[in-house]
Amino acid sequence: MTTILEGTALAQDISCVRNGTTPTPSFRAAVRRIGLHLAAEISRHLPARTIDVSTPLETTSGTVIDGTVVLVPVLRAGLGLLDPFLDILPDAAVGYVGLKRNEETLEAHRYYCNLPPLDDSIVIVLDPMLATGGTMCATLDLLKDIPHKATYTASIIAAPEGIAAVTTQHPDVHVVVAQLDRCLNASGFIMPGLGDAGDRLFGT
């Protein structure tokens, strides 16, 4: 399943992060706001259970998330989405996966992995750019061997090729993106894209 977000305020922030002259602090702030949109959308699909809540006037029914949520930012660009997701899902645990794409082969190579227990958890993989899908699929390949309830991915910008790769190789994963772009270029970069999200987030 794939969900592509819509909204005027969201589109304004997408335009901000696309702009090559946007300074790093403004880029980070826009990424954070986009992350809130993504987190709110995914939170709509999380399982829920009913609890009793005592207001100052009476007892009523309330709702809580049924299960543990684990956020998995893909280093390093995924860190830009971590804080907004924790704002929406403050009780979530956090794991990290480090992957680097070989710019010649476009294959992802893992150099780091630190995950909390995933038993009965809902896992949300955070990676701002879903280009070829190689990095995301490598992360999902790692996760599929660890029992858990469900998997979501959250990205700011995706190429059709990346979405196709993820949904073909991992049809049970719910892909959520803020913006679907036109295509990949010959070097495997999203067009029109926003450049290197990690470099722009961290000013490198």
Foldseek 3Di string as FASTA:
>chain_A
DEAADDDDVLVVLVVLLQDPPNAQVSNLVSLLVNLLVQLVVVVVVAAKDKDWDQDPVGIDIDIDGDAAEEEEEEPDLLVSNVVSNCVVVVRHHYWYWYWDADLVVRAIDTDDTGGDQADAYEYEYGDAEQWQLRVVVVVVVVVVVHDYDAYEYEYAEYEPNRVVVCCVSPVRYYYYYHYYAYHADPSRDTVVHNPDSVCSNVVD
